[in-house]
Amino acid sequence: METTETTTEHIRALHNPFSTPPQFATPIGSIRSRRPDSADNGHTARPRRRFRSSRLTGEFEKPWLEDGKRKPNWDSIIFYTCCAIALCVSGYICWSEYEKVPRHDWCMILDEDFKTLDTAVWNHEVQLNGFGTGSFDWTTTDPENSYVDAEGLHIVPTLTLESTHYTEAELLNNTVLNLTADGTCTYSEQRVSTLADWSACEVRSNDTSGQILNPVRSARLTTKGKKSIKYGRVEVVAKLAKGDWLWPAIWMMPEDSVYGEWPKSGEIDIIEARGNDAETYSWATIFTSDWGAQRTKYSEGYHTYGLEWTEDYMFTWLDGRLRQILYFDFTKNENMWTYGDFAGSTVNKTVPSDPWSQTGRKNTPFDQEFYLILNVAVGGTNNYFPDQMDGKPWVDASESAMKEFYLAQSSWLPSWGTPEERGMIVKSVKMWELGACA
């Protein structure tokens, strides 16, 4: 009877969650013990508590469904409004900048792929004094210095002693090299300077003065008198020369010195480079007026060097017009004289006169016909190779700079490699005039 009453109270307590659990003489069997094979399966199992859902039932208020009570989500409104405004502003900026891009007609006047060296297009210029830069090369028409093959036009520096009849004794002393006498000199008053005190067409080696015959021969080809442009485009695909103190260049000069001797009539440098290894000499391997190579060696592959030039602007680019290198807007300056701040300056203790402003054009002297030049110079005394650079074997101001360079050839000749490696290779040249073709 007592067992029955205890069981009844236990069941009531289980239905009351707030009641104090009764004390049992015998513990409630575990789940394992209630299994059929349990040794204690005779005890009564505790009833499990019935699951009760907490879900709402019946009618209840749903205020979020009532239109009159909805509140605006200002966070979303502000976010999406700002996104829309940003898209509109970005679209307008893109459109306005696109509208500023000049749209010109271009007429191609030269498409050269160098299957042959066309003398109707190209001239060799032959001189001894570096065309005013004081470079050490003797430019020639020798096929060892310029030739065409399946790769394109090669311009290759060679040692004078290897490609002429001169001996080293003659190179250094008591020998005259006269290009006027043999009719090969092409000198003209196109670029005058005091950087080289020897003649463009004649030189005498003299051991006492330190003057020697040019120790290196190279080539310089131009389109002067045959292909020139006054405003237009130029694209040259080339692999630059490699080797210490080599100076490959793709550039332009005026057909006529309208405003006076160089540099008064202007010069356009598309690309100039130093052949020295930048990792050895701690400088950039490539150079134009305002930019460097960023450790790129342009002697290891072909690249496209471009120029676009109009009355209003001039810019150069590398491997595509989107990779702009130098941009100059003529319209933003009164003229080139004021832009260069030449007023009040002195040259050789004299004050230069303004040769450009009288034209009334903002781009003078870049308002004349210019022709293209391809060349590989060697050394020079115009500070293109600065005296403070490690390993430079000559000093620009020295009266025997060329001799100092020659006597140090064991330091620079190995870097030149074979003639195929040291030369500049030009794969193609394209030139356009501004305006539609007639």
Protein backbone atom coordinates (compact mmCIF):
# COMPACT_ATOMS: atom_id res chain seq x y z
CA MET A 1 0.00 0.00 0.00
CA GLU A 2 2.84 2.36 0.87
CA THR A 3 4.47 1.55 -2.44
CA THR A 4 1.29 2.47 -4.30
CA GLU A 5 1.00 5.83 -2.49
CA THR A 6 4.66 6.64 -3.12
CA THR A 7 4.31 5.90 -6.80
CA THR A 8 1.19 8.09 -7.01
CA GLU A 9 2.99 11.03 -5.38
CA HIS A 10 5.96 10.54 -7.67
CA ILE A 11 3.78 10.71 -10.76
CA ARG A 12 2.07 13.88 -9.48
CA ALA A 13 5.43 15.48 -8.80
CA LEU A 14 6.54 14.73 -12.33
CA HIS A 15 3.55 16.66 -13.70
CA ASN A 16 4.42 19.64 -11.50
CA PRO A 17 7.71 21.14 -12.70
CA PHE A 18 7.96 23.34 -9.62
CA SER A 19 7.65 20.60 -7.03
CA THR A 20 10.58 19.18 -5.11
CA PRO A 21 11.56 15.80 -6.45
CA PRO A 22 10.69 13.01 -3.97
CA GLN A 23 13.37 10.87 -2.42
CA PHE A 24 13.51 7.34 -3.73
CA ALA A 25 14.93 4.45 -1.88
CA THR A 26 16.08 3.00 -5.15
CA PRO A 27 17.60 5.21 -7.92
CA ILE A 28 15.71 5.49 -11.16
CA GLY A 29 17.18 3.20 -13.70
CA SER A 30 19.25 4.64 -16.52
CA ILE A 31 18.35 4.32 -20.11
CA ARG A 32 20.90 1.57 -20.42
CA SER A 33 19.45 -0.24 -17.39
CA ARG A 34 15.97 -0.18 -18.90
CA ARG A 35 17.04 -2.11 -21.91
CA PRO A 36 15.58 -5.64 -22.07
CA ASP A 37 18.93 -7.26 -21.32
CA SER A 38 19.61 -5.08 -18.28
CA ALA A 39 19.98 -6.78 -14.95
CA ASP A 40 17.84 -4.08 -13.29
CA ASN A 41 15.00 -4.07 -15.80
CA GLY A 42 12.39 -4.79 -13.14
CA HIS A 43 12.25 -1.18 -11.88
CA THR A 44 9.61 1.23 -13.16
CA ALA A 45 10.97 3.77 -15.72
CA ARG A 46 10.47 7.49 -15.12
CA PRO A 47 7.93 8.93 -17.62
CA ARG A 48 9.41 11.39 -20.08
CA ARG A 49 8.23 14.97 -20.13
CA ARG A 50 5.89 15.70 -23.01
CA PHE A 51 7.21 18.18 -25.63
CA ARG A 52 5.25 21.38 -25.70
CA SER A 53 5.56 23.79 -28.69
CA SER A 54 6.20 27.47 -28.03
CA ARG A 55 4.73 28.50 -31.38
CA LEU A 56 2.03 31.15 -31.25
CA THR A 57 -1.46 29.92 -31.99
CA GLY A 58 -4.66 31.70 -32.65
CA GLU A 59 -5.04 35.31 -33.64
CA PHE A 60 -2.30 37.79 -32.81
CA GLU A 61 -1.14 41.20 -34.07
CA LYS A 62 1.17 41.53 -37.10
CA PRO A 63 2.06 45.24 -37.19
CA TRP A 64 4.73 44.82 -39.85
CA LEU A 65 2.05 43.91 -42.38
CA GLU A 66 0.07 47.08 -41.88
CA ASP A 67 0.98 49.62 -44.64
CA GLY A 68 0.18 52.59 -42.53
CA LYS A 69 2.69 51.56 -39.92
CA ARG A 70 5.70 50.80 -42.20
CA LYS A 71 8.77 52.96 -41.59
CA PRO A 72 11.28 53.91 -44.34
CA ASN A 73 14.69 52.16 -44.22
CA TRP A 74 16.91 55.21 -44.45
CA ASP A 75 20.13 53.18 -44.41
CA SER A 76 19.16 51.42 -47.62
CA ILE A 77 17.80 54.61 -49.18
CA ILE A 78 21.03 56.54 -48.53
CA PHE A 79 23.27 53.67 -49.67
CA TYR A 80 21.54 53.02 -52.99
CA THR A 81 21.14 56.75 -53.70
CA CYS A 82 24.89 57.26 -53.23
CA CYS A 83 25.63 54.30 -55.50
CA ALA A 84 23.43 55.76 -58.22
CA ILE A 85 25.05 59.19 -57.94
CA ALA A 86 28.54 57.64 -58.06
CA LEU A 87 27.69 55.70 -61.20
CA CYS A 88 26.31 58.80 -62.89
CA VAL A 89 29.36 60.91 -61.97
CA SER A 90 31.78 58.17 -63.09
CA GLY A 91 29.97 57.78 -66.37
CA TYR A 92 30.09 61.53 -66.99
CA ILE A 93 33.81 61.72 -66.21
CA CYS A 94 34.56 58.84 -68.58
CA TRP A 95 32.47 60.39 -71.31
CA SER A 96 33.96 63.87 -70.91
CA GLU A 97 37.53 62.51 -70.98
CA TYR A 98 36.75 60.39 -74.01
CA GLU A 99 35.45 63.47 -75.78
CA LYS A 100 38.79 65.20 -75.16
CA VAL A 101 40.77 62.48 -76.98
CA PRO A 102 41.99 63.97 -80.29
CA ARG A 103 40.61 62.30 -83.38
CA HIS A 104 42.95 62.90 -86.27
CA ASP A 105 43.31 61.65 -89.79
CA TRP A 106 46.75 60.22 -90.52
CA CYS A 107 48.34 59.63 -93.89
CA MET A 108 51.09 56.98 -93.98
CA ILE A 109 54.21 58.13 -95.84
CA LEU A 110 56.59 55.31 -94.83
CA ASP A 111 56.02 51.62 -94.08
CA GLU A 112 59.50 50.11 -93.89
CA ASP A 113 60.08 46.46 -92.97
CA PHE A 114 63.72 46.34 -94.17
CA LYS A 115 63.50 43.56 -96.70
CA THR A 116 66.27 45.60 -98.33
CA LEU A 117 68.00 48.87 -97.50
CA ASP A 118 66.09 51.26 -99.74
CA THR A 119 68.36 54.12 -100.78
CA ALA A 120 65.29 56.06 -101.92
CA VAL A 121 64.43 56.33 -98.21
CA TRP A 122 67.67 56.04 -96.23
CA ASN A 123 70.94 57.99 -96.23
CA HIS A 124 74.20 57.14 -94.48
CA GLU A 125 75.81 60.06 -92.68
CA VAL A 126 79.60 59.78 -92.47
CA GLN A 127 81.55 61.87 -89.96
CA LEU A 128 84.30 61.70 -87.34
CA ASN A 129 83.43 64.08 -84.49
CA GLY A 130 80.19 62.63 -83.14
CA PHE A 131 77.93 65.20 -84.83
CA GLY A 132 78.58 67.65 -82.03
CA THR A 133 78.31 65.19 -79.10
CA GLY A 134 82.01 64.32 -78.97
CA SER A 135 81.27 60.61 -79.34
CA PHE A 136 84.20 58.38 -80.30
CA ASP A 137 82.76 56.53 -83.31
CA TRP A 138 83.50 57.06 -86.99
CA THR A 139 80.20 56.58 -88.82
CA THR A 140 80.58 54.72 -92.11
CA THR A 141 78.78 53.07 -95.02
CA ASP A 142 80.66 49.82 -94.36
CA PRO A 143 78.34 46.76 -94.50
CA GLU A 144 79.97 45.52 -91.29
CA ASN A 145 78.43 48.52 -89.53
CA SER A 146 74.99 48.48 -91.17
CA TYR A 147 73.26 45.69 -93.04
CA VAL A 148 69.85 44.08 -93.56
CA ASP A 149 68.90 40.45 -92.98
CA ALA A 150 65.78 38.48 -92.02
CA GLU A 151 65.66 40.19 -88.62
CA GLY A 152 65.76 43.72 -90.00
CA LEU A 153 68.27 46.57 -90.10
CA HIS A 154 71.41 46.02 -87.99
CA ILE A 155 73.55 48.94 -86.81
CA VAL A 156 76.73 47.44 -85.33
CA PRO A 157 79.81 49.12 -83.77
CA THR A 158 83.15 47.52 -84.67
CA LEU A 159 86.77 48.17 -83.74
CA THR A 160 88.62 50.28 -86.30
CA LEU A 161 91.68 48.05 -86.16
CA GLU A 162 89.56 45.01 -87.06
CA SER A 163 87.79 46.53 -90.07
CA THR A 164 90.42 48.84 -91.67
CA HIS A 165 94.03 48.73 -92.75
CA TYR A 166 95.21 50.98 -89.90
CA THR A 167 97.64 49.63 -87.32
CA GLU A 168 97.64 50.51 -83.64
CA ALA A 169 100.75 52.63 -84.12
CA GLU A 170 98.97 54.65 -86.80
CA LEU A 171 95.84 54.91 -84.68
CA LEU A 172 97.85 56.51 -81.87
CA ASN A 173 100.35 58.73 -83.69
CA ASN A 174 101.36 60.56 -86.85
CA THR A 175 98.54 59.47 -89.16
CA VAL A 176 95.88 61.51 -91.00
CA LEU A 177 92.34 60.28 -91.65
CA ASN A 178 90.74 62.56 -94.25
CA LEU A 179 87.14 61.79 -95.31
CA THR A 180 86.97 64.88 -97.52
CA ALA A 181 89.86 63.64 -99.63
CA ASP A 182 88.18 60.27 -100.25
CA GLY A 183 84.79 61.91 -100.85
CA THR A 184 82.87 60.10 -98.11
CA CYS A 185 82.27 62.90 -95.58
CA THR A 186 78.64 64.09 -95.39
CA TYR A 187 79.20 66.96 -92.97
CA SER A 188 76.65 69.78 -92.77
CA GLU A 189 76.03 72.58 -90.30
CA GLN A 190 73.11 70.78 -88.69
CA ARG A 191 74.45 70.39 -85.16
CA VAL A 192 77.30 72.58 -83.92
CA SER A 193 78.95 72.44 -80.51
CA THR A 194 82.32 72.77 -78.83
CA LEU A 195 82.25 69.25 -77.39
CA ALA A 196 84.59 67.94 -80.09
CA ASP A 197 87.53 70.11 -81.09
CA TRP A 198 88.44 67.99 -84.08
CA SER A 199 87.03 68.26 -87.58
CA ALA A 200 83.96 66.35 -88.70
CA CYS A 201 85.86 65.12 -91.76
CA GLU A 202 89.55 65.03 -90.82
CA VAL A 203 91.63 63.95 -87.84
CA ARG A 204 95.35 63.50 -87.19
CA SER A 205 96.66 61.16 -84.51
CA ASN A 206 99.29 62.74 -82.30
CA ASP A 207 100.87 61.08 -79.32
CA THR A 208 101.88 64.39 -77.76
CA SER A 209 98.44 66.00 -77.81
CA GLY A 210 96.65 62.75 -77.00
CA GLN A 211 94.51 62.92 -80.15
CA ILE A 212 93.99 59.55 -81.88
CA LEU A 213 92.03 58.23 -84.84
CA ASN A 214 88.52 57.12 -83.96
CA PRO A 215 88.97 53.68 -82.36
CA VAL A 216 85.43 52.50 -83.16
CA ARG A 217 83.30 52.56 -86.31
CA SER A 218 79.52 52.51 -86.43
CA ALA A 219 76.63 53.73 -88.60
CA ARG A 220 74.00 56.46 -88.67
CA LEU A 221 71.05 56.33 -91.08
CA THR A 222 68.54 59.11 -91.71
CA THR A 223 65.56 59.97 -93.91
CA LYS A 224 66.80 63.54 -94.44
CA GLY A 225 65.57 65.03 -97.71
CA LYS A 226 63.46 61.93 -98.46
CA LYS A 227 60.89 61.31 -95.73
CA SER A 228 59.98 63.97 -93.19
CA ILE A 229 56.89 65.19 -91.34
CA LYS A 230 55.54 68.40 -89.88
CA TYR A 231 53.12 66.94 -87.32
CA GLY A 232 52.37 63.26 -87.49
CA ARG A 233 53.19 59.90 -85.95
CA VAL A 234 56.25 57.64 -85.84
CA GLU A 235 56.44 54.00 -84.71
CA VAL A 236 59.74 52.10 -84.60
CA VAL A 237 60.01 48.45 -83.57
CA ALA A 238 63.56 47.77 -82.39
CA LYS A 239 65.84 45.85 -80.06
CA LEU A 240 68.43 48.18 -78.56
CA ALA A 241 72.21 47.76 -78.49
CA LYS A 242 73.96 46.08 -75.55
CA GLY A 243 77.46 46.87 -74.29
CA ASP A 244 79.31 49.33 -72.09
CA TRP A 245 79.34 52.92 -73.37
CA LEU A 246 77.12 52.18 -76.40
CA TRP A 247 74.51 54.85 -77.11
CA PRO A 248 71.64 53.69 -79.37
CA ALA A 249 69.12 56.35 -80.34
CA ILE A 250 65.95 56.86 -82.39
CA TRP A 251 65.33 60.57 -82.82
CA MET A 252 64.49 63.45 -85.18
CA MET A 253 66.11 66.63 -86.42
CA PRO A 254 64.74 69.53 -88.53
CA GLU A 255 65.17 69.42 -92.29
CA ASP A 256 66.23 73.08 -92.23
CA SER A 257 67.74 75.07 -89.39
CA VAL A 258 65.07 77.77 -89.68
CA TYR A 259 65.71 79.25 -86.24
CA GLY A 260 69.49 78.83 -86.18
CA GLU A 261 72.09 76.17 -85.38
CA TRP A 262 71.42 73.36 -82.93
CA PRO A 263 69.64 73.44 -80.56
CA LYS A 264 67.74 76.56 -81.64
CA SER A 265 65.86 74.73 -84.39
CA GLY A 266 64.85 71.86 -82.11
CA GLU A 267 65.45 68.15 -81.62
CA ILE A 268 62.93 65.35 -80.87
CA ASP A 269 64.23 62.33 -78.95
CA ILE A 270 61.92 59.33 -79.26
CA ILE A 271 64.31 57.02 -77.41
CA GLU A 272 67.92 57.15 -76.26
CA ALA A 273 69.62 54.43 -74.22
CA ARG A 274 72.82 53.46 -72.50
CA GLY A 275 74.07 50.00 -73.36
CA ASN A 276 75.64 49.48 -69.93
CA ASP A 277 74.08 46.84 -67.70
CA ALA A 278 71.92 48.70 -65.17
CA GLU A 279 72.60 46.09 -62.49
CA THR A 280 76.34 46.77 -62.75
CA TYR A 281 76.32 50.54 -63.19
CA SER A 282 73.32 51.40 -60.99
CA TRP A 283 71.43 53.40 -63.57
CA ALA A 284 68.47 52.90 -65.86
CA THR A 285 69.13 51.17 -69.15
CA ILE A 286 66.79 53.43 -71.10
CA PHE A 287 66.33 57.17 -71.22
CA THR A 288 64.37 59.93 -72.86
CA SER A 289 63.89 63.46 -71.63
CA ASP A 290 61.91 62.53 -68.51
CA TRP A 291 61.81 58.81 -67.91
CA GLY A 292 63.81 55.73 -66.98
CA ALA A 293 63.67 52.02 -67.62
CA GLN A 294 62.60 50.79 -64.19
CA ARG A 295 65.28 48.07 -64.49
CA THR A 296 64.02 46.84 -67.85
CA LYS A 297 66.66 45.73 -70.35
CA TYR A 298 65.46 46.74 -73.79
CA SER A 299 68.36 44.95 -75.45
CA GLU A 300 66.73 41.61 -74.64
CA GLY A 301 63.66 41.91 -76.85
CA TYR A 302 61.78 44.01 -79.39
CA HIS A 303 59.69 46.97 -78.29
CA THR A 304 57.68 49.62 -80.11
CA TYR A 305 58.77 53.22 -79.58
CA GLY A 306 56.21 55.80 -80.63
CA LEU A 307 55.76 59.54 -81.13
CA GLU A 308 52.58 61.53 -81.75
CA TRP A 309 52.98 65.20 -82.58
CA THR A 310 50.53 67.96 -83.50
CA GLU A 311 50.45 71.73 -83.28
CA ASP A 312 48.90 71.45 -79.80
CA TYR A 313 50.81 68.61 -78.15
CA MET A 314 53.61 66.05 -78.40
CA PHE A 315 53.92 62.74 -76.60
CA THR A 316 56.02 59.59 -76.70
CA TRP A 317 54.93 56.10 -75.73
CA LEU A 318 56.24 52.57 -75.30
CA ASP A 319 54.53 49.40 -76.61
CA GLY A 320 51.17 51.10 -77.13
CA ARG A 321 49.62 54.55 -76.81
CA LEU A 322 48.17 53.72 -73.39
CA ARG A 323 51.70 53.46 -71.95
CA GLN A 324 52.46 57.13 -72.29
CA ILE A 325 56.00 58.17 -71.38
CA LEU A 326 56.23 61.91 -71.99
CA TYR A 327 53.42 64.36 -72.74
CA PHE A 328 53.84 68.05 -73.49
CA ASP A 329 50.89 70.38 -74.07
CA PHE A 330 52.04 73.40 -76.09
CA THR A 331 48.77 75.26 -75.46
CA LYS A 332 49.42 75.58 -71.71
CA ASN A 333 52.46 77.82 -72.20
CA GLU A 334 52.95 81.25 -73.74
CA ASN A 335 55.77 79.90 -75.90
CA MET A 336 58.83 77.66 -75.61
CA TRP A 337 61.13 80.57 -74.73
CA THR A 338 59.18 81.46 -71.59
CA TYR A 339 58.61 77.79 -70.75
CA GLY A 340 62.37 77.16 -70.82
CA ASP A 341 62.97 80.25 -68.71
CA PHE A 342 65.82 81.25 -71.02
CA ALA A 343 65.45 85.02 -70.45
CA GLY A 344 68.43 86.29 -68.44
CA SER A 345 70.44 83.09 -68.82
CA THR A 346 73.94 83.12 -70.28
CA VAL A 347 75.74 80.78 -72.65
CA ASN A 348 79.52 81.16 -72.88
CA LYS A 349 79.16 84.50 -71.05
CA THR A 350 76.70 85.86 -73.61
CA VAL A 351 72.95 86.38 -73.27
CA PRO A 352 71.09 84.45 -75.98
CA SER A 353 68.40 86.17 -78.01
CA ASP A 354 64.89 84.78 -78.32
CA PRO A 355 64.71 82.98 -81.69
CA TRP A 356 61.10 81.72 -81.36
CA SER A 357 58.62 84.23 -79.98
CA GLN A 358 58.41 86.32 -83.14
CA THR A 359 56.45 83.52 -84.87
CA GLY A 360 53.49 83.94 -82.53
CA ARG A 361 53.17 80.15 -82.32
CA LYS A 362 53.33 78.37 -78.98
CA ASN A 363 55.06 75.28 -80.36
CA THR A 364 58.00 76.96 -82.16
CA PRO A 365 60.56 75.49 -83.00
CA PHE A 366 58.48 72.31 -83.32
CA ASP A 367 56.55 73.77 -86.23
CA GLN A 368 58.85 72.67 -89.06
CA GLU A 369 59.59 69.50 -91.05
CA PHE A 370 61.61 66.90 -89.10
CA TYR A 371 63.31 63.74 -90.39
CA LEU A 372 64.14 60.46 -88.61
CA ILE A 373 67.58 59.28 -87.42
CA LEU A 374 68.68 55.77 -86.37
CA ASN A 375 72.17 55.38 -84.94
CA VAL A 376 74.43 53.72 -82.37
CA ALA A 377 77.08 56.08 -81.01
CA VAL A 378 79.96 55.12 -78.73
CA GLY A 379 80.98 57.18 -75.70
CA GLY A 380 81.00 60.97 -75.83
CA THR A 381 82.05 64.09 -73.97
CA ASN A 382 78.64 65.74 -73.47
CA ASN A 383 77.96 64.17 -70.03
CA TYR A 384 75.50 61.62 -71.39
CA PHE A 385 77.75 59.19 -69.56
CA PRO A 386 78.43 61.19 -66.36
CA ASP A 387 81.97 61.38 -65.03
CA GLN A 388 80.85 60.27 -61.57
CA MET A 389 79.67 56.87 -62.79
CA ASP A 390 81.79 53.97 -61.59
CA GLY A 391 84.06 52.43 -64.18
CA LYS A 392 83.96 55.25 -66.72
CA PRO A 393 87.46 55.16 -68.26
CA TRP A 394 87.62 58.76 -69.53
CA VAL A 395 86.85 62.28 -68.30
CA ASP A 396 84.73 64.50 -70.50
CA ALA A 397 86.93 67.57 -70.08
CA SER A 398 90.12 65.68 -70.88
CA GLU A 399 91.93 66.59 -74.11
CA SER A 400 92.70 62.89 -74.60
CA ALA A 401 89.26 61.47 -73.69
CA MET A 402 89.10 59.28 -76.81
CA LYS A 403 92.56 57.85 -76.14
CA GLU A 404 91.63 57.12 -72.50
CA PHE A 405 88.58 55.25 -73.74
CA TYR A 406 90.58 53.23 -76.27
CA LEU A 407 93.31 52.21 -73.83
CA ALA A 408 90.68 50.81 -71.45
CA GLN A 409 89.10 48.51 -74.04
CA SER A 410 89.85 45.41 -71.95
CA SER A 411 87.25 46.70 -69.47
CA TRP A 412 84.44 47.42 -71.95
CA LEU A 413 84.95 45.25 -75.05
CA PRO A 414 83.95 41.94 -73.37
CA SER A 415 80.54 43.42 -72.51
CA TRP A 416 79.78 44.00 -76.20
CA GLY A 417 79.58 40.33 -77.08
CA THR A 418 79.34 39.25 -80.71
CA PRO A 419 78.42 41.73 -83.46
CA GLU A 420 74.91 40.25 -83.49
CA GLU A 421 74.52 40.89 -79.75
CA ARG A 422 75.98 44.38 -79.56
CA GLY A 423 74.08 46.00 -82.43
CA MET A 424 70.70 47.70 -82.53
CA ILE A 425 68.21 45.78 -84.69
CA VAL A 426 65.35 47.76 -86.23
CA LYS A 427 62.53 45.51 -87.40
CA SER A 428 60.22 48.17 -88.84
CA VAL A 429 59.62 51.90 -89.18
CA LYS A 430 56.28 53.60 -89.84
CA MET A 431 55.66 57.32 -90.37
CA TRP A 432 52.40 59.20 -90.85
CA GLU A 433 51.63 62.80 -91.71
CA LEU A 434 48.84 64.58 -89.90
CA GLY A 435 45.77 64.89 -92.14
CA ALA A 436 43.96 62.79 -94.69
CA CYS A 437 45.86 61.54 -97.71
CA ALA A 438 45.30 63.56 -100.88
